[in-house]
PDB file of N, CA and C in Angstrom:
ATOM      1  N   GLY A   1     -59.512  98.416 104.010  1.00  0.00           N
ATOM      2  CA  GLY A   1     -58.563  99.337 104.541  1.00  0.00           C
ATOM      3  C   GLY A   1     -57.160  98.744 104.555  1.00  0.00           C
ATOM      4  N   ILE A   2     -56.289  99.484 105.124  1.00  0.00           N
ATOM      5  CA  ILE A   2     -54.873  99.087 105.152  1.00  0.00           C
ATOM      6  C   ILE A   2     -54.658  97.792 105.930  1.00  0.00           C
ATOM      7  N   ASP A   3     -55.503  97.520 106.914  1.00  0.00           N
ATOM      8  CA  ASP A   3     -55.355  96.288 107.695  1.00  0.00           C
ATOM      9  C   ASP A   3     -55.665  95.040 106.880  1.00  0.00           C
ATOM     10  N   ASP A   4     -56.347  95.206 105.759  1.00  0.00           N
ATOM     11  CA  ASP A   4     -56.718  94.073 104.921  1.00  0.00           C
ATOM     12  C   ASP A   4     -55.694  93.767 103.831  1.00  0.00           C
ATOM     13  N   ILE A   5     -54.659  94.598 103.696  1.00  0.00           N
ATOM     14  CA  ILE A   5     -53.663  94.400 102.647  1.00  0.00           C
ATOM     15  C   ILE A   5     -52.787  93.202 102.975  1.00  0.00           C
ATOM     16  N   GLN A   6     -52.624  92.351 101.996  1.00  0.00           N
ATOM     17  CA  GLN A   6     -51.757  91.185 102.151  1.00  0.00           C
ATOM     18  C   GLN A   6     -50.313  91.600 101.877  1.00  0.00           C
ATOM     19  N   ILE A   7     -49.411  91.294 102.777  1.00  0.00           N
ATOM     20  CA  ILE A   7     -47.992  91.589 102.605  1.00  0.00           C
ATOM     21  C   ILE A   7     -47.351  90.399 101.906  1.00  0.00           C
ATOM     22  N   LEU A   8     -46.934  90.628 100.662  1.00  0.00           N
ATOM     23  CA  LEU A   8     -46.394  89.556  99.842  1.00  0.00           C
ATOM     24  C   LEU A   8     -44.898  89.368 100.020  1.00  0.00           C
ATOM     25  N   GLN A   9     -44.208  90.435 100.411  1.00  0.00           N
ATOM     26  CA  GLN A   9     -42.760  90.355 100.604  1.00  0.00           C
ATOM     27  C   GLN A   9     -42.385  91.129 101.860  1.00  0.00           C
ATOM     28  N   ARG A  10     -41.351  90.659 102.504  1.00  0.00           N
ATOM     29  CA  ARG A  10     -40.777  91.381 103.636  1.00  0.00           C
ATOM     30  C   ARG A  10     -39.273  91.449 103.421  1.00  0.00           C
ATOM     31  N   PRO A  11     -38.635  92.492 103.926  1.00  0.00           N
ATOM     32  CA  PRO A  11     -37.189  92.580 103.753  1.00  0.00           C
ATOM     33  C   PRO A  11     -36.460  91.498 104.543  1.00  0.00           C
ATOM     34  N   ASP A  12     -35.360  91.029 103.981  1.00  0.00           N
ATOM     35  CA  ASP A  12     -34.477  90.076 104.656  1.00  0.00           C
ATOM     36  C   ASP A  12     -33.366  90.903 105.305  1.00  0.00           C
ATOM     37  N   ASN A  13     -33.519  91.207 106.602  1.00  0.00           N
ATOM     38  CA  ASN A  13     -32.592  92.113 107.274  1.00  0.00           C
ATOM     39  C   ASN A  13     -31.164  91.601 107.299  1.00  0.00           C
ATOM     40  N   GLY A  14     -30.973  90.291 107.419  1.00  0.00           N
ATOM     41  CA  GLY A  14     -29.618  89.733 107.387  1.00  0.00           C
ATOM     42  C   GLY A  14     -28.955  89.962 106.045  1.00  0.00           C
ATOM     43  N   LYS A  15     -29.712  89.746 104.979  1.00  0.00           N
ATOM     44  CA  LYS A  15     -29.191  89.966 103.629  1.00  0.00           C
ATOM     45  C   LYS A  15     -28.883  91.450 103.411  1.00  0.00           C
ATOM     46  N   LEU A  16     -29.754  92.318 103.934  1.00  0.00           N
ATOM     47  CA  LEU A  16     -29.534  93.756 103.800  1.00  0.00           C
ATOM     48  C   LEU A  16     -28.241  94.182 104.490  1.00  0.00           C
ATOM     49  N   ALA A  17     -28.009  93.672 105.675  1.00  0.00           N
ATOM     50  CA  ALA A  17     -26.777  94.008 106.398  1.00  0.00           C
ATOM     51  C   ALA A  17     -25.552  93.540 105.627  1.00  0.00           C
ATOM     52  N   ASN A  18     -25.605  92.340 105.054  1.00  0.00           N
ATOM     53  CA  ASN A  18     -24.502  91.826 104.253  1.00  0.00           C
ATOM     54  C   ASN A  18     -24.276  92.705 103.018  1.00  0.00           C
ATOM     55  N   CYS A  19     -25.341  93.148 102.393  1.00  0.00           N
ATOM     56  CA  CYS A  19     -25.237  93.979 101.192  1.00  0.00           C
ATOM     57  C   CYS A  19     -24.622  95.343 101.495  1.00  0.00           C
ATOM     58  N   LEU A  20     -24.916  95.887 102.677  1.00  0.00           N
ATOM     59  CA  LEU A  20     -24.314  97.167 103.053  1.00  0.00           C
ATOM     60  C   LEU A  20     -22.795  97.083 103.013  1.00  0.00           C
ATOM     61  N   GLU A  21     -22.276  95.926 103.366  1.00  0.00           N
ATOM     62  CA  GLU A  21     -20.831  95.739 103.387  1.00  0.00           C
ATOM     63  C   GLU A  21     -20.260  95.343 102.036  1.00  0.00           C
ATOM     64  N   ASN A  22     -21.056  94.683 101.180  1.00  0.00           N
ATOM     65  CA  ASN A  22     -20.465  94.054  99.998  1.00  0.00           C
ATOM     66  C   ASN A  22     -21.063  94.429  98.646  1.00  0.00           C
ATOM     67  N   ASP A  23     -22.343  94.703  98.563  1.00  0.00           N
ATOM     68  CA  ASP A  23     -22.985  94.813  97.248  1.00  0.00           C
ATOM     69  C   ASP A  23     -24.184  95.744  97.321  1.00  0.00           C
ATOM     70  N   THR A  24     -23.969  97.038  97.007  1.00  0.00           N
ATOM     71  CA  THR A  24     -25.063  97.990  97.161  1.00  0.00           C
ATOM     72  C   THR A  24     -26.209  97.738  96.189  1.00  0.00           C
ATOM     73  N   MET A  25     -25.961  97.257  94.972  1.00  0.00           N
ATOM     74  CA  MET A  25     -27.071  96.977  94.061  1.00  0.00           C
ATOM     75  C   MET A  25     -27.944  95.850  94.613  1.00  0.00           C
ATOM     76  N   MET A  26     -27.331  94.858  95.213  1.00  0.00           N
ATOM     77  CA  MET A  26     -28.114  93.795  95.840  1.00  0.00           C
ATOM     78  C   MET A  26     -28.922  94.387  96.998  1.00  0.00           C
ATOM     79  N   LEU A  27     -28.349  95.347  97.692  1.00  0.00           N
ATOM     80  CA  LEU A  27     -29.059  96.031  98.765  1.00  0.00           C
ATOM     81  C   LEU A  27     -30.317  96.687  98.220  1.00  0.00           C
ATOM     82  N   TYR A  28     -30.187  97.441  97.157  1.00  0.00           N
ATOM     83  CA  TYR A  28     -31.336  98.127  96.579  1.00  0.00           C
ATOM     84  C   TYR A  28     -32.448  97.141  96.234  1.00  0.00           C
ATOM     85  N   HIS A  29     -32.084  96.038  95.628  1.00  0.00           N
ATOM     86  CA  HIS A  29     -33.088  95.083  95.167  1.00  0.00           C
ATOM     87  C   HIS A  29     -33.720  94.283  96.304  1.00  0.00           C
ATOM     88  N   ASN A  30     -33.176  94.410  97.509  1.00  0.00           N
ATOM     89  CA  ASN A  30     -33.755  93.711  98.649  1.00  0.00           C
ATOM     90  C   ASN A  30     -34.442  94.657  99.632  1.00  0.00           C
ATOM     91  N   CYS A  31     -34.507  95.920  99.291  1.00  0.00           N
ATOM     92  CA  CYS A  31     -35.275  96.866 100.099  1.00  0.00           C
ATOM     93  C   CYS A  31     -36.722  96.819  99.627  1.00  0.00           C
ATOM     94  N   ILE A  32     -37.615  96.659 100.544  1.00  0.00           N
ATOM     95  CA  ILE A  32     -39.032  96.528 100.222  1.00  0.00           C
ATOM     96  C   ILE A  32     -39.817  97.436 101.166  1.00  0.00           C
ATOM     97  N   ASN A  33     -40.766  98.148 100.630  1.00  0.00           N
ATOM     98  CA  ASN A  33     -41.668  98.947 101.450  1.00  0.00           C
ATOM     99  C   ASN A  33     -43.027  98.242 101.430  1.00  0.00           C
ATOM    100  N   VAL A  34     -43.380  97.604 102.516  1.00  0.00           N
ATOM    101  CA  VAL A  34     -44.609  96.813 102.557  1.00  0.00           C
ATOM    102  C   VAL A  34     -45.868  97.680 102.446  1.00  0.00           C
ATOM    103  N   LEU A  35     -45.757  98.976 102.643  1.00  0.00           N
ATOM    104  CA  LEU A  35     -46.913  99.856 102.516  1.00  0.00           C
ATOM    105  C   LEU A  35     -47.219 100.224 101.064  1.00  0.00           C
ATOM    106  N   GLU A  36     -46.277  99.954 100.141  1.00  0.00           N
ATOM    107  CA  GLU A  36     -46.523 100.287  98.737  1.00  0.00           C
ATOM    108  C   GLU A  36     -47.754  99.589  98.185  1.00  0.00           C
ATOM    109  N   ASN A  37     -47.987  98.351  98.565  1.00  0.00           N
ATOM    110  CA  ASN A  37     -49.153  97.622  98.046  1.00  0.00           C
ATOM    111  C   ASN A  37     -50.434  98.414  98.265  1.00  0.00           C
ATOM    112  N   TYR A  38     -50.585  98.973  99.442  1.00  0.00           N
ATOM    113  CA  TYR A  38     -51.790  99.743  99.753  1.00  0.00           C
ATOM    114  C   TYR A  38     -51.769 101.105  99.064  1.00  0.00           C
ATOM    115  N   THR A  39     -50.700 101.861  99.272  1.00  0.00           N
ATOM    116  CA  THR A  39     -50.662 103.243  98.789  1.00  0.00           C
ATOM    117  C   THR A  39     -50.761 103.323  97.265  1.00  0.00           C
ATOM    118  N   LEU A  40     -50.004 102.498  96.552  1.00  0.00           N
ATOM    119  CA  LEU A  40     -50.042 102.566  95.090  1.00  0.00           C
ATOM    120  C   LEU A  40     -51.404 102.162  94.538  1.00  0.00           C
ATOM    121  N   ALA A  41     -52.105 101.277  95.228  1.00  0.00           N
ATOM    122  CA  ALA A  41     -53.442 100.856  94.781  1.00  0.00           C
ATOM    123  C   ALA A  41     -54.509 101.916  95.078  1.00  0.00           C
ATOM    124  N   HIS A  42     -54.339 102.663  96.159  1.00  0.00           N
ATOM    125  CA  HIS A  42     -55.368 103.610  96.576  1.00  0.00           C
ATOM    126  C   HIS A  42     -55.060 105.061  96.208  1.00  0.00           C
ATOM    127  N   TYR A  43     -53.827 105.330  95.820  1.00  0.00           N
ATOM    128  CA  TYR A  43     -53.423 106.678  95.437  1.00  0.00           C
ATOM    129  C   TYR A  43     -52.692 106.603  94.100  1.00  0.00           C
ATOM    130  N   PRO A  44     -53.455 106.563  93.000  1.00  0.00           N
ATOM    131  CA  PRO A  44     -52.848 106.370  91.675  1.00  0.00           C
ATOM    132  C   PRO A  44     -51.828 107.445  91.309  1.00  0.00           C
ATOM    133  N   GLU A  45     -51.952 108.638  91.897  1.00  0.00           N
ATOM    134  CA  GLU A  45     -50.973 109.681  91.590  1.00  0.00           C
ATOM    135  C   GLU A  45     -49.579 109.304  92.110  1.00  0.00           C
ATOM    136  N   THR A  46     -49.514 108.558  93.201  1.00  0.00           N
ATOM    137  CA  THR A  46     -48.218 108.096  93.706  1.00  0.00           C
ATOM    138  C   THR A  46     -47.660 107.007  92.796  1.00  0.00           C
ATOM    139  N   ALA A  47     -48.510 106.116  92.319  1.00  0.00           N
ATOM    140  CA  ALA A  47     -48.080 105.085  91.368  1.00  0.00           C
ATOM    141  C   ALA A  47     -47.589 105.728  90.073  1.00  0.00           C
ATOM    142  N   LEU A  48     -48.279 106.781  89.618  1.00  0.00           N
ATOM    143  CA  LEU A  48     -47.870 107.488  88.404  1.00  0.00           C
ATOM    144  C   LEU A  48     -46.497 108.121  88.596  1.00  0.00           C
ATOM    145  N   LEU A  49     -46.275 108.753  89.741  1.00  0.00           N
ATOM    146  CA  LEU A  49     -44.975 109.356  90.023  1.00  0.00           C
ATOM    147  C   LEU A  49     -43.876 108.300  90.001  1.00  0.00           C
ATOM    148  N   LYS A  50     -44.117 107.170  90.625  1.00  0.00           N
ATOM    149  CA  LYS A  50     -43.115 106.102  90.651  1.00  0.00           C
ATOM    150  C   LYS A  50     -42.787 105.654  89.224  1.00  0.00           C
ATOM    151  N   LYS A  51     -43.804 105.471  88.392  1.00  0.00           N
ATOM    152  CA  LYS A  51     -43.601 105.048  87.003  1.00  0.00           C
ATOM    153  C   LYS A  51     -42.822 106.110  86.221  1.00  0.00           C
ATOM    154  N   LYS A  52     -43.153 107.396  86.428  1.00  0.00           N
ATOM    155  CA  LYS A  52     -42.428 108.471  85.744  1.00  0.00           C
ATOM    156  C   LYS A  52     -40.946 108.436  86.103  1.00  0.00           C
ATOM    157  N   MET A  53     -40.655 108.244  87.375  1.00  0.00           N
ATOM    158  CA  MET A  53     -39.258 108.225  87.814  1.00  0.00           C
ATOM    159  C   MET A  53     -38.513 107.043  87.209  1.00  0.00           C
ATOM    160  N   GLN A  54     -39.172 105.903  87.105  1.00  0.00           N
ATOM    161  CA  GLN A  54     -38.557 104.742  86.467  1.00  0.00           C
ATOM    162  C   GLN A  54     -38.315 105.036  84.990  1.00  0.00           C
ATOM    163  N   ASN A  55     -39.277 105.664  84.335  1.00  0.00           N
ATOM    164  CA  ASN A  55     -39.143 105.987  82.915  1.00  0.00           C
ATOM    165  C   ASN A  55     -38.061 107.029  82.653  1.00  0.00           C
ATOM    166  N   LEU A  56     -37.731 107.831  83.658  1.00  0.00           N
ATOM    167  CA  LEU A  56     -36.658 108.815  83.521  1.00  0.00           C
ATOM    168  C   LEU A  56     -35.280 108.198  83.734  1.00  0.00           C
ATOM    169  N   GLY A  57     -35.237 106.903  83.965  1.00  0.00           N
ATOM    170  CA  GLY A  57     -33.955 106.209  84.073  1.00  0.00           C
ATOM    171  C   GLY A  57     -33.552 105.815  85.472  1.00  0.00           C
ATOM    172  N   GLY A  58     -34.471 105.932  86.419  1.00  0.00           N
ATOM    173  CA  GLY A  58     -34.147 105.509  87.783  1.00  0.00           C
ATOM    174  C   GLY A  58     -33.817 104.032  87.821  1.00  0.00           C
ATOM    175  N   GLU A  59     -32.674 103.706  88.385  1.00  0.00           N
ATOM    176  CA  GLU A  59     -32.222 102.313  88.469  1.00  0.00           C
ATOM    177  C   GLU A  59     -33.082 101.512  89.437  1.00  0.00           C
ATOM    178  N   TRP A  60     -33.512 102.176  90.481  1.00  0.00           N
ATOM    179  CA  TRP A  60     -34.266 101.516  91.540  1.00  0.00           C
ATOM    180  C   TRP A  60     -35.143 102.580  92.184  1.00  0.00           C
ATOM    181  N   THR A  61     -36.441 102.368  92.211  1.00  0.00           N
ATOM    182  CA  THR A  61     -37.390 103.378  92.662  1.00  0.00           C
ATOM    183  C   THR A  61     -38.274 102.773  93.744  1.00  0.00           C
ATOM    184  N   LEU A  62     -38.453 103.516  94.830  1.00  0.00           N
ATOM    185  CA  LEU A  62     -39.201 103.001  95.958  1.00  0.00           C
ATOM    186  C   LEU A  62     -39.935 104.143  96.653  1.00  0.00           C
ATOM    187  N   MET A  63     -41.108 103.851  97.152  1.00  0.00           N
ATOM    188  CA  MET A  63     -41.840 104.805  97.962  1.00  0.00           C
ATOM    189  C   MET A  63     -41.159 104.871  99.333  1.00  0.00           C
ATOM    190  N   SER A  64     -41.070 106.060  99.883  1.00  0.00           N
ATOM    191  CA  SER A  64     -40.454 106.235 101.191  1.00  0.00           C
ATOM    192  C   SER A  64     -41.545 106.336 102.248  1.00  0.00           C
ATOM    193  N   GLY A  65     -41.447 105.529 103.268  1.00  0.00           N
ATOM    194  CA  GLY A  65     -42.451 105.567 104.333  1.00  0.00           C
ATOM    195  C   GLY A  65     -43.814 105.157 103.807  1.00  0.00           C
ATOM    196  N   SER A  66     -44.849 105.891 104.211  1.00  0.00           N
ATOM    197  CA  SER A  66     -46.211 105.560 103.781  1.00  0.00           C
ATOM    198  C   SER A  66     -46.628 106.373 102.558  1.00  0.00           C
ATOM    199  N   GLY A  67     -45.686 107.124 101.970  1.00  0.00           N
ATOM    200  CA  GLY A  67     -45.961 107.934 100.790  1.00  0.00           C
ATOM    201  C   GLY A  67     -46.363 109.328 101.223  1.00  0.00           C
ATOM    202  N   PRO A  68     -46.487 110.249 100.304  1.00  0.00           N
ATOM    203  CA  PRO A  68     -46.370 110.136  98.862  1.00  0.00           C
ATOM    204  C   PRO A  68     -44.954 110.353  98.337  1.00  0.00           C
ATOM    205  N   THR A  69     -43.957 110.396  99.223  1.00  0.00           N
ATOM    206  CA  THR A  69     -42.587 110.602  98.777  1.00  0.00           C
ATOM    207  C   THR A  69     -42.066 109.353  98.074  1.00  0.00           C
ATOM    208  N   VAL A  70     -41.443 109.569  96.912  1.00  0.00           N
ATOM    209  CA  VAL A  70     -40.856 108.485  96.129  1.00  0.00           C
ATOM    210  C   VAL A  70     -39.431 108.906  95.808  1.00  0.00           C
ATOM    211  N   PHE A  71     -38.499 107.962  95.876  1.00  0.00           N
ATOM    212  CA  PHE A  71     -37.117 108.279  95.510  1.00  0.00           C
ATOM    213  C   PHE A  71     -36.602 107.232  94.537  1.00  0.00           C
ATOM    214  N   THR A  72     -35.537 107.601  93.836  1.00  0.00           N
ATOM    215  CA  THR A  72     -34.920 106.669  92.905  1.00  0.00           C
ATOM    216  C   THR A  72     -33.416 106.867  92.905  1.00  0.00           C
ATOM    217  N   ILE A  73     -32.703 105.861  92.471  1.00  0.00           N
ATOM    218  CA  ILE A  73     -31.247 105.898  92.375  1.00  0.00           C
ATOM    219  C   ILE A  73     -30.882 106.021  90.897  1.00  0.00           C
ATOM    220  N   PHE A  74     -30.063 107.004  90.566  1.00  0.00           N
ATOM    221  CA  PHE A  74     -29.560 107.175  89.211  1.00  0.00           C
ATOM    222  C   PHE A  74     -28.076 106.837  89.171  1.00  0.00           C
ATOM    223  N   ARG A  75     -27.598 106.462  88.016  1.00  0.00           N
ATOM    224  CA  ARG A  75     -26.173 106.121  87.855  1.00  0.00           C
ATOM    225  C   ARG A  75     -25.278 107.354  87.860  1.00  0.00           C
ATOM    226  N   SER A  76     -25.825 108.516  87.504  1.00  0.00           N
ATOM    227  CA  SER A  76     -24.981 109.710  87.448  1.00  0.00           C
ATOM    228  C   SER A  76     -25.726 110.922  87.998  1.00  0.00           C
ATOM    229  N   VAL A  77     -24.955 111.892  88.439  1.00  0.00           N
ATOM    230  CA  VAL A  77     -25.522 113.136  88.935  1.00  0.00           C
ATOM    231  C   VAL A  77     -26.273 113.838  87.811  1.00  0.00           C
ATOM    232  N   SER A  78     -25.719 113.822  86.604  1.00  0.00           N
ATOM    233  CA  SER A  78     -26.383 114.516  85.493  1.00  0.00           C
ATOM    234  C   SER A  78     -27.749 113.904  85.201  1.00  0.00           C
ATOM    235  N   ASP A  79     -27.875 112.580  85.305  1.00  0.00           N
ATOM    236  CA  ASP A  79     -29.181 111.938  85.115  1.00  0.00           C
ATOM    237  C   ASP A  79     -30.160 112.371  86.210  1.00  0.00           C
ATOM    238  N   ALA A  80     -29.672 112.467  87.438  1.00  0.00           N
ATOM    239  CA  ALA A  80     -30.525 112.887  88.557  1.00  0.00           C
ATOM    240  C   ALA A  80     -30.960 114.343  88.382  1.00  0.00           C
ATOM    241  N   GLU A  81     -30.035 115.204  87.970  1.00  0.00           N
ATOM    242  CA  GLU A  81     -30.366 116.613  87.754  1.00  0.00           C
ATOM    243  C   GLU A  81     -31.415 116.758  86.649  1.00  0.00           C
ATOM    244  N   ARG A  82     -31.228 116.031  85.549  1.00  0.00           N
ATOM    245  CA  ARG A  82     -32.156 116.095  84.414  1.00  0.00           C
ATOM    246  C   ARG A  82     -33.550 115.636  84.845  1.00  0.00           C
ATOM    247  N   ALA A  83     -33.616 114.512  85.541  1.00  0.00           N
ATOM    248  CA  ALA A  83     -34.902 113.981  85.998  1.00  0.00           C
ATOM    249  C   ALA A  83     -35.589 114.957  86.955  1.00  0.00           C
ATOM    250  N   SER A  84     -34.814 115.559  87.833  1.00  0.00           N
ATOM    251  CA  SER A  84     -35.360 116.517  88.785  1.00  0.00           C
ATOM    252  C   SER A  84     -35.992 117.698  88.052  1.00  0.00           C
ATOM    253  N   GLU A  85     -35.324 118.210  87.046  1.00  0.00           N
ATOM    254  CA  GLU A  85     -35.862 119.339  86.284  1.00  0.00           C
ATOM    255  C   GLU A  85     -37.137 118.951  85.527  1.00  0.00           C
ATOM    256  N   ILE A  86     -37.159 117.766  84.940  1.00  0.00           N
ATOM    257  CA  ILE A  86     -38.346 117.295  84.223  1.00  0.00           C
ATOM    258  C   ILE A  86     -39.519 117.155  85.187  1.00  0.00           C
ATOM    259  N   LEU A  87     -39.270 116.573  86.359  1.00  0.00           N
ATOM    260  CA  LEU A  87     -40.336 116.407  87.348  1.00  0.00           C
ATOM    261  C   LEU A  87     -40.851 117.762  87.837  1.00  0.00           C
ATOM    262  N   LYS A  88     -39.945 118.713  88.032  1.00  0.00           N
ATOM    263  CA  LYS A  88     -40.372 120.056  88.436  1.00  0.00           C
ATOM    264  C   LYS A  88     -41.240 120.682  87.353  1.00  0.00           C
ATOM    265  N   ASP A  89     -40.836 120.520  86.090  1.00  0.00           N
ATOM    266  CA  ASP A  89     -41.632 121.047  84.976  1.00  0.00           C
ATOM    267  C   ASP A  89     -43.020 120.415  84.937  1.00  0.00           C
ATOM    268  N   ASP A  90     -43.128 119.173  85.418  1.00  0.00           N
ATOM    269  CA  ASP A  90     -44.420 118.474  85.467  1.00  0.00           C
ATOM    270  C   ASP A  90     -45.234 118.830  86.716  1.00  0.00           C
ATOM    271  N   GLY A  91     -44.699 119.730  87.555  1.00  0.00           N
ATOM    272  CA  GLY A  91     -45.439 120.193  88.722  1.00  0.00           C
ATOM    273  C   GLY A  91     -45.110 119.496  90.034  1.00  0.00           C
ATOM    274  N   TYR A  92     -44.113 118.620  90.027  1.00  0.00           N
ATOM    275  CA  TYR A  92     -43.724 117.922  91.253  1.00  0.00           C
ATOM    276  C   TYR A  92     -42.681 118.725  92.013  1.00  0.00           C
ATOM    277  N   GLU A  93     -42.608 118.504  93.297  1.00  0.00           N
ATOM    278  CA  GLU A  93     -41.512 119.016  94.099  1.00  0.00           C
ATOM    279  C   GLU A  93     -40.416 117.960  94.001  1.00  0.00           C
ATOM    280  N   ALA A  94     -39.267 118.327  93.442  1.00  0.00           N
ATOM    281  CA  ALA A  94     -38.226 117.337  93.172  1.00  0.00           C
ATOM    282  C   ALA A  94     -36.858 117.868  93.574  1.00  0.00           C
ATOM    283  N   TYR A  95     -36.052 116.974  94.114  1.00  0.00           N
ATOM    284  CA  TYR A  95     -34.696 117.305  94.560  1.00  0.00           C
ATOM    285  C   TYR A  95     -33.767 116.193  94.129  1.00  0.00           C
ATOM    286  N   TRP A  96     -32.509 116.517  93.961  1.00  0.00           N
ATOM    287  CA  TRP A  96     -31.496 115.488  93.738  1.00  0.00           C
ATOM    288  C   TRP A  96     -30.389 115.706  94.756  1.00  0.00           C
ATOM    289  N   THR A  97     -29.675 114.659  95.047  1.00  0.00           N
ATOM    290  CA  THR A  97     -28.555 114.721  95.975  1.00  0.00           C
ATOM    291  C   THR A  97     -27.581 113.625  95.626  1.00  0.00           C
ATOM    292  N   GLU A  98     -26.425 113.664  96.211  1.00  0.00           N
ATOM    293  CA  GLU A  98     -25.433 112.609  96.004  1.00  0.00           C
ATOM    294  C   GLU A  98     -25.343 111.769  97.273  1.00  0.00           C
ATOM    295  N   THR A  99     -25.078 110.481  97.093  1.00  0.00           N
ATOM    296  CA  THR A  99     -24.874 109.607  98.251  1.00  0.00           C
ATOM    297  C   THR A  99     -23.488 109.865  98.818  1.00  0.00           C
ATOM    298  N   MET A 100     -23.334 109.586 100.083  1.00  0.00           N
ATOM    299  CA  MET A 100     -22.034 109.744 100.739  1.00  0.00           C
ATOM    300  C   MET A 100     -21.356 108.391 100.758  1.00  0.00           C
ATOM    301  N   ALA A 101     -20.097 108.398 100.413  1.00  0.00           N
ATOM    302  CA  ALA A 101     -19.337 107.136 100.415  1.00  0.00           C
ATOM    303  C   ALA A 101     -18.466 107.050 101.633  1.00  0.00           C
TER     304      ALA A 101
END
């Protein structure tokens, strides 16, 4: 069960706080969802969704919470819109939005 999953990585909260102020790409690469190890292994459809989003050009893709929600960061709105439409055509519920600066 989930209690038996080994947590291989944990987020470095100090580094994350520094990245919020200075380097958002470093922030993305230091965000870790420790529940992914369990969910992706036991729910292959969530792992497939994550892989599809990466293949659509997502710069950084992560499961949100305990799943099955997955999100990704795109370099442009047009890339996000295109990926959203492709995912919808594949039967997923998909949305795109812009980050606030």
